[in-house]
Amino acid sequence: MPIHVRELHHAAVCVPVERADEVVRFYQDVLGLVADPSRPQMADVPGAWLWVGPERTTQIHVIGVEYDDRPDACAAPQDEDPRRPHLALAVDDIGQTKEELERHNVAFWARDLAPNRTFVFLRDPAGNMVELHQSDSCTCNAGTAGTTSAMSSASTAASVGGATSM
C-alpha cells in the first residue's frame, strides 16, 4: 500500500548565513508571507518559517547555512544534513511509512528528536532530499484548526521544534 501523504509541509530555501535576514525580509515585505512564531531560536541556524497562504498549511523555511565540513548535529554523514535543500511531506503514520519504504527497498535515515517526533529523510531517484514526518507531530494545518478545510483535530498539532524540520 502506498504511503499516504497528507500535504506538502514545507520547502527549505537555503541561503548564505549573512543573507538570511535579507531573504526573510523579501518573503515578508515583497511576497507578504507571515512568520510562524513557533520556530525555535537556533543560534547556529538563522532564518524563519514563513506561512504560505491564508490557510497556513504550507511553509517556506528560510535556512541560513554555512556549507563547510561541519555537519549539523543531527547529521551523521554530511549528505544527511537536514539544513540542505529539501521538501517536507506530512504523512499519516511515520511507523507505517518506514515499513513501506523498507518494503520498496528505499534507503532512509531517521532522527528521533523527542517522543513521537521522528523525522525520516530519504533521497528520490534524482538525489533530492525528502523529509517525511507524522502530521500530528508538527504545525501541519495549525493555522486552520477548527475550520472546515482543516484536517481532523488529531492532525492539527503543536509546533515543530526539531532542528531537522526546517
Protein backbone atom coordinates (compact mmCIF):
# COMPACT_ATOMS: atom_id res chain seq x y z
CA MET A 1 0.00 0.00 0.00
CA PRO A 2 1.48 3.41 -0.87
CA ILE A 3 2.40 5.91 1.81
CA HIS A 4 -0.44 8.35 2.48
CA VAL A 5 0.95 11.86 2.14
CA ARG A 6 -1.39 14.46 3.64
CA GLU A 7 0.25 17.61 2.35
CA LEU A 8 3.36 19.47 1.40
CA HIS A 9 4.50 20.83 4.76
CA HIS A 10 7.43 22.98 3.67
CA ALA A 11 10.12 23.65 1.14
CA ALA A 12 13.51 24.58 2.54
CA VAL A 13 15.24 27.54 0.90
CA CYS A 14 18.90 27.50 1.89
CA VAL A 15 20.84 30.76 1.75
CA PRO A 16 24.22 32.02 2.94
CA VAL A 17 24.08 32.90 6.66
CA GLU A 18 24.90 36.55 6.01
CA ARG A 19 21.88 36.91 3.68
CA ALA A 20 19.28 35.08 5.78
CA ASP A 21 17.69 38.25 7.23
CA GLU A 22 17.57 39.89 3.80
CA VAL A 23 15.86 36.86 2.27
CA VAL A 24 13.34 36.65 5.14
CA ARG A 25 12.51 40.35 4.69
CA PHE A 26 11.98 39.75 0.94
CA TYR A 27 9.48 36.97 1.56
CA GLN A 28 7.69 39.06 4.19
CA ASP A 29 7.80 42.53 2.64
CA VAL A 30 7.51 41.68 -1.05
CA LEU A 31 5.51 38.45 -1.03
CA GLY A 32 3.51 39.14 2.13
CA LEU A 33 4.34 35.90 3.93
CA VAL A 34 3.87 35.79 7.70
CA ALA A 35 6.45 34.35 10.10
CA ASP A 36 5.49 31.34 12.21
CA PRO A 37 6.39 32.37 15.79
CA SER A 38 6.65 28.73 16.88
CA ARG A 39 10.06 28.32 15.21
CA PRO A 40 12.59 27.76 17.95
CA GLN A 41 15.57 30.07 18.18
CA MET A 42 18.57 28.23 16.78
CA ALA A 43 21.72 30.28 17.23
CA ASP A 44 23.61 28.42 14.54
CA VAL A 45 20.70 28.40 12.04
CA PRO A 46 19.38 31.87 11.23
CA GLY A 47 16.21 32.19 9.20
CA ALA A 48 12.46 31.84 9.61
CA TRP A 49 9.49 29.62 8.98
CA LEU A 50 7.04 31.54 6.79
CA TRP A 51 3.40 30.63 6.22
CA VAL A 52 2.21 30.47 2.61
CA GLY A 53 -1.41 31.50 2.07
CA PRO A 54 -4.25 32.32 4.44
CA GLU A 55 -4.94 28.65 5.31
CA ARG A 56 -1.46 28.36 6.85
CA THR A 57 -0.96 24.73 5.84
CA THR A 58 2.34 25.10 3.97
CA GLN A 59 5.55 26.92 4.78
CA ILE A 60 8.78 28.11 3.27
CA HIS A 61 11.68 27.54 5.67
CA VAL A 62 14.48 30.03 5.07
CA ILE A 63 17.64 28.43 6.42
CA GLY A 64 20.89 30.32 6.78
CA VAL A 65 23.70 27.87 6.17
CA GLU A 66 27.46 27.90 6.05
CA TYR A 67 28.34 24.91 3.95
CA ASP A 68 31.61 23.74 5.35
CA ASP A 69 32.93 20.48 6.67
CA ARG A 70 31.00 20.94 9.92
CA PRO A 71 27.89 18.74 9.74
CA ASP A 72 24.70 19.53 11.57
CA ALA A 73 24.45 17.87 14.98
CA CYS A 74 21.65 15.67 13.63
CA ALA A 75 23.57 14.61 10.53
CA ALA A 76 25.85 11.61 10.60
CA PRO A 77 27.48 11.97 7.20
CA GLN A 78 27.42 15.38 5.53
CA ASP A 79 24.97 14.22 2.84
CA GLU A 80 22.37 13.65 5.58
CA ASP A 81 22.45 17.27 6.74
CA PRO A 82 18.81 18.43 7.15
CA ARG A 83 19.92 22.03 6.57
CA ARG A 84 20.34 21.15 2.89
CA PRO A 85 17.53 21.98 0.44
CA HIS A 86 14.63 19.58 0.82
CA LEU A 87 10.88 19.10 0.60
CA ALA A 88 8.96 18.06 3.70
CA LEU A 89 5.81 15.99 3.45
CA ALA A 90 3.41 15.20 6.26
CA VAL A 91 2.27 11.56 6.41
CA ASP A 92 -0.45 9.80 8.38
CA ASP A 93 1.73 7.29 10.21
CA ILE A 94 5.53 7.51 10.36
CA GLY A 95 5.86 3.88 11.53
CA GLN A 96 3.88 2.56 8.56
CA THR A 97 5.82 4.94 6.32
CA LYS A 98 9.13 3.42 7.43
CA GLU A 99 7.75 -0.09 6.82
CA GLU A 100 6.61 0.90 3.33
CA LEU A 101 9.99 2.43 2.49
CA GLU A 102 11.66 -0.80 3.61
CA ARG A 103 9.22 -2.84 1.52
CA HIS A 104 10.26 -0.80 -1.52
CA ASN A 105 13.96 -1.08 -0.61
CA VAL A 106 14.24 2.70 -0.29
CA ALA A 107 17.22 3.76 1.80
CA PHE A 108 16.35 6.28 4.53
CA TRP A 109 17.65 7.67 7.79
CA ALA A 110 15.56 8.69 10.77
CA ARG A 111 16.04 11.22 13.55
CA ASP A 112 14.13 10.88 16.82
CA LEU A 113 14.15 14.33 18.37
CA ALA A 114 11.62 13.73 21.12
CA PRO A 115 8.88 11.23 21.95
CA ASN A 116 6.55 10.98 18.96
CA ARG A 117 8.82 13.27 16.93
CA THR A 118 10.52 11.06 14.35
CA PHE A 119 11.67 12.61 11.10
CA VAL A 120 12.54 10.33 8.20
CA PHE A 121 14.79 11.50 5.38
CA LEU A 122 15.41 9.89 2.02
CA ARG A 123 16.60 10.74 -1.45
CA ASP A 124 14.44 10.45 -4.53
CA PRO A 125 15.95 8.70 -7.58
CA ALA A 126 17.48 12.01 -8.75
CA GLY A 127 19.11 12.66 -5.37
CA ASN A 128 16.71 15.28 -3.97
CA MET A 129 16.30 15.12 -0.19
CA VAL A 130 12.78 14.49 1.10
CA GLU A 131 11.70 14.75 4.73
CA LEU A 132 8.71 12.77 5.99
CA HIS A 133 7.12 13.34 9.38
CA GLN A 134 3.86 12.43 11.06
CA SER A 135 1.24 15.10 10.51
CA ASP A 136 0.13 15.28 14.14
CA SER A 137 3.67 15.93 15.39
CA CYS A 138 4.13 19.34 13.82
CA THR A 139 2.41 22.55 12.73
CA CYS A 140 0.71 20.91 9.76
CA ASN A 141 -2.58 22.72 9.30
CA ALA A 142 -2.17 24.50 12.64
CA GLY A 143 -3.42 27.70 11.03
CA THR A 144 -6.72 26.10 10.02
CA ALA A 145 -7.59 24.22 13.17
CA GLY A 146 -11.31 24.26 13.70
CA THR A 147 -12.20 25.23 10.12
CA THR A 148 -13.88 23.06 7.52
CA SER A 149 -10.69 22.88 5.48
CA ALA A 150 -8.66 21.59 8.40
CA MET A 151 -7.68 18.00 8.89
CA SER A 152 -9.13 16.24 11.89
CA SER A 153 -8.25 17.72 15.24
CA ALA A 154 -5.91 14.80 15.78
CA SER A 155 -3.74 16.11 12.95
CA THR A 156 -3.62 19.72 14.00
CA ALA A 157 -0.84 19.87 16.45
CA ALA A 158 1.79 21.56 18.44
CA SER A 159 4.74 23.30 16.93
CA VAL A 160 7.68 21.73 15.19
CA GLY A 161 10.61 22.31 17.44
CA GLY A 162 13.15 19.98 15.92
CA ALA A 163 16.15 21.24 14.11
CA THR A 164 15.67 18.66 11.40
CA SER A 165 12.36 20.04 10.32
CA MET A 166 13.47 23.23 8.81
